[in-house]
């Protein structure tokens, strides 16, 4: 689809966005966060070259959203890593105190 505001490149982006929704969800979380950052960078670049304040504002809004999603996913990954490490530390002593089952 052609968008007069975005130019002929919008056709490629719109087709790509439909595939992005499916393919990004399938990525492992660290790769997904990286993809969100790439999408934010692309939107920031589009804003830089946008003709008109409304288009520029919309591109910046999109870039901000992608960037926020990347930051949120990164924070969730750090939190999950910390929880898993805590769980592992708590389970280690329990394994040592279990009676020997070989008797």
C-alpha atoms as a PDB file:
ATOM      1  CA  UNK A   1       0.000   0.000   0.000  1.00  0.00           C
ATOM      2  CA  UNK A   2       1.254   3.467  -0.904  1.00  0.00           C
ATOM      3  CA  UNK A   3       1.114   6.248   1.669  1.00  0.00           C
ATOM      4  CA  UNK A   4       1.585   9.795   0.316  1.00  0.00           C
ATOM      5  CA  UNK A   5       2.944  10.939   3.676  1.00  0.00           C
ATOM      6  CA  UNK A   6       5.567   8.204   3.894  1.00  0.00           C
ATOM      7  CA  UNK A   7       6.357   7.857   0.210  1.00  0.00           C
ATOM      8  CA  UNK A   8       6.869   4.691  -1.785  1.00  0.00           C
ATOM      9  CA  UNK A   9       8.977   3.126   0.986  1.00  0.00           C
ATOM     10  CA  UNK A  10       5.829   2.759   3.063  1.00  0.00           C
ATOM     11  CA  UNK A  11       4.721  -0.124   0.878  1.00  0.00           C
ATOM     12  CA  UNK A  12       7.791  -2.120   1.913  1.00  0.00           C
ATOM     13  CA  UNK A  13       7.494  -1.141   5.562  1.00  0.00           C
ATOM     14  CA  UNK A  14       3.826  -2.066   5.797  1.00  0.00           C
ATOM     15  CA  UNK A  15       4.386  -5.495   4.277  1.00  0.00           C
ATOM     16  CA  UNK A  16       7.372  -5.955   6.542  1.00  0.00           C
ATOM     17  CA  UNK A  17       5.376  -4.924   9.631  1.00  0.00           C
ATOM     18  CA  UNK A  18       2.837  -7.677   9.027  1.00  0.00           C
ATOM     19  CA  UNK A  19       5.617 -10.243   8.911  1.00  0.00           C
ATOM     20  CA  UNK A  20       7.394  -8.554  11.828  1.00  0.00           C
ATOM     21  CA  UNK A  21       4.466  -9.194  14.172  1.00  0.00           C
ATOM     22  CA  UNK A  22       4.686 -12.916  13.587  1.00  0.00           C
ATOM     23  CA  UNK A  23       8.444 -13.284  13.390  1.00  0.00           C
ATOM     24  CA  UNK A  24       9.330 -11.014  16.330  1.00  0.00           C
ATOM     25  CA  UNK A  25       7.091 -12.954  18.705  1.00  0.00           C
ATOM     26  CA  UNK A  26       8.945 -16.153  17.807  1.00  0.00           C
ATOM     27  CA  UNK A  27      12.362 -14.701  18.645  1.00  0.00           C
ATOM     28  CA  UNK A  28      14.073 -15.436  21.958  1.00  0.00           C
ATOM     29  CA  UNK A  29      13.644 -12.454  24.316  1.00  0.00           C
ATOM     30  CA  UNK A  30      17.183 -11.011  23.916  1.00  0.00           C
ATOM     31  CA  UNK A  31      16.885 -11.091  20.131  1.00  0.00           C
ATOM     32  CA  UNK A  32      13.376  -9.660  20.336  1.00  0.00           C
ATOM     33  CA  UNK A  33      14.651  -6.718  22.419  1.00  0.00           C
ATOM     34  CA  UNK A  34      17.369  -6.131  19.814  1.00  0.00           C
ATOM     35  CA  UNK A  35      14.756  -6.150  17.048  1.00  0.00           C
ATOM     36  CA  UNK A  36      12.687  -3.591  18.981  1.00  0.00           C
ATOM     37  CA  UNK A  37      15.778  -1.365  19.195  1.00  0.00           C
ATOM     38  CA  UNK A  38      16.316  -1.734  15.444  1.00  0.00           C
ATOM     39  CA  UNK A  39      12.705  -0.753  14.773  1.00  0.00           C
ATOM     40  CA  UNK A  40      13.115   2.258  17.068  1.00  0.00           C
ATOM     41  CA  UNK A  41      16.257   3.288  15.191  1.00  0.00           C
ATOM     42  CA  UNK A  42      14.444   2.988  11.870  1.00  0.00           C
ATOM     43  CA  UNK A  43      11.558   5.128  13.134  1.00  0.00           C
ATOM     44  CA  UNK A  44      13.980   7.761  14.498  1.00  0.00           C
ATOM     45  CA  UNK A  45      15.700   7.856  11.122  1.00  0.00           C
ATOM     46  CA  UNK A  46      12.347   8.229   9.359  1.00  0.00           C
ATOM     47  CA  UNK A  47      11.497  11.103  11.736  1.00  0.00           C
ATOM     48  CA  UNK A  48      14.780  12.790  10.924  1.00  0.00           C
ATOM     49  CA  UNK A  49      13.937  12.818   7.228  1.00  0.00           C
ATOM     50  CA  UNK A  50      10.180  13.386   7.582  1.00  0.00           C
ATOM     51  CA  UNK A  51       8.513  16.188   5.676  1.00  0.00           C
ATOM     52  CA  UNK A  52       6.065  17.829   8.052  1.00  0.00           C
ATOM     53  CA  UNK A  53       5.622  18.118  11.759  1.00  0.00           C
ATOM     54  CA  UNK A  54       2.750  15.632  12.005  1.00  0.00           C
ATOM     55  CA  UNK A  55       4.648  12.856  10.255  1.00  0.00           C
ATOM     56  CA  UNK A  56       7.774  13.618  12.291  1.00  0.00           C
ATOM     57  CA  UNK A  57       5.753  13.481  15.526  1.00  0.00           C
ATOM     58  CA  UNK A  58       4.153  10.176  14.526  1.00  0.00           C
ATOM     59  CA  UNK A  59       7.530   8.629  13.669  1.00  0.00           C
ATOM     60  CA  UNK A  60       8.935   9.816  16.988  1.00  0.00           C
ATOM     61  CA  UNK A  61       5.933   8.369  18.814  1.00  0.00           C
ATOM     62  CA  UNK A  62       6.523   5.018  17.137  1.00  0.00           C
ATOM     63  CA  UNK A  63      10.245   5.139  17.879  1.00  0.00           C
ATOM     64  CA  UNK A  64       9.536   5.934  21.522  1.00  0.00           C
ATOM     65  CA  UNK A  65       7.134   2.997  21.755  1.00  0.00           C
ATOM     66  CA  UNK A  66       9.609   0.511  20.225  1.00  0.00           C
ATOM     67  CA  UNK A  67      12.359   1.812  22.500  1.00  0.00           C
ATOM     68  CA  UNK A  68      10.124   1.502  25.574  1.00  0.00           C
ATOM     69  CA  UNK A  69       9.273  -2.092  24.627  1.00  0.00           C
ATOM     70  CA  UNK A  70      12.977  -2.935  24.338  1.00  0.00           C
ATOM     71  CA  UNK A  71      13.713  -1.378  27.730  1.00  0.00           C
ATOM     72  CA  UNK A  72      10.804  -3.193  29.359  1.00  0.00           C
ATOM     73  CA  UNK A  73      11.851  -6.533  27.907  1.00  0.00           C
ATOM     74  CA  UNK A  74      15.458  -5.956  29.029  1.00  0.00           C
ATOM     75  CA  UNK A  75      14.250  -5.144  32.558  1.00  0.00           C
ATOM     76  CA  UNK A  76      12.045  -8.247  32.629  1.00  0.00           C
ATOM     77  CA  UNK A  77      14.966 -10.401  31.491  1.00  0.00           C
ATOM     78  CA  UNK A  78      17.209  -8.997  34.229  1.00  0.00           C
ATOM     79  CA  UNK A  79      14.498  -9.600  36.810  1.00  0.00           C
ATOM     80  CA  UNK A  80      13.916 -13.157  35.594  1.00  0.00           C
ATOM     81  CA  UNK A  81      17.665 -13.868  35.675  1.00  0.00           C
ATOM     82  CA  UNK A  82      17.840 -12.607  39.254  1.00  0.00           C
ATOM     83  CA  UNK A  83      14.845 -14.721  40.283  1.00  0.00           C
ATOM     84  CA  UNK A  84      16.324 -17.836  38.708  1.00  0.00           C
ATOM     85  CA  UNK A  85      19.657 -17.236  40.443  1.00  0.00           C
ATOM     86  CA  UNK A  86      17.889 -16.791  43.781  1.00  0.00           C
ATOM     87  CA  UNK A  87      15.887 -19.968  43.231  1.00  0.00           C
ATOM     88  CA  UNK A  88      19.043 -21.897  42.383  1.00  0.00           C
ATOM     89  CA  UNK A  89      20.777 -20.632  45.528  1.00  0.00           C
ATOM     90  CA  UNK A  90      17.799 -21.656  47.649  1.00  0.00           C
ATOM     91  CA  UNK A  91      17.610 -25.115  46.118  1.00  0.00           C
ATOM     92  CA  UNK A  92      21.320 -25.949  46.480  1.00  0.00           C
ATOM     93  CA  UNK A  93      21.314 -26.383  50.290  1.00  0.00           C
ATOM     94  CA  UNK A  94      18.132 -28.468  50.087  1.00  0.00           C
ATOM     95  CA  UNK A  95      19.858 -30.906  47.746  1.00  0.00           C
ATOM     96  CA  UNK A  96      22.789 -31.278  50.135  1.00  0.00           C
ATOM     97  CA  UNK A  97      20.570 -32.124  53.130  1.00  0.00           C
ATOM     98  CA  UNK A  98      18.443 -34.750  51.374  1.00  0.00           C
ATOM     99  CA  UNK A  99      19.081 -38.261  52.715  1.00  0.00           C
ATOM    100  CA  UNK A 100      20.976 -40.647  50.520  1.00  0.00           C
ATOM    101  CA  UNK A 101      18.452 -42.717  48.585  1.00  0.00           C
ATOM    102  CA  UNK A 102      20.947 -45.478  47.741  1.00  0.00           C
ATOM    103  CA  UNK A 103      20.634 -47.234  51.106  1.00  0.00           C
END
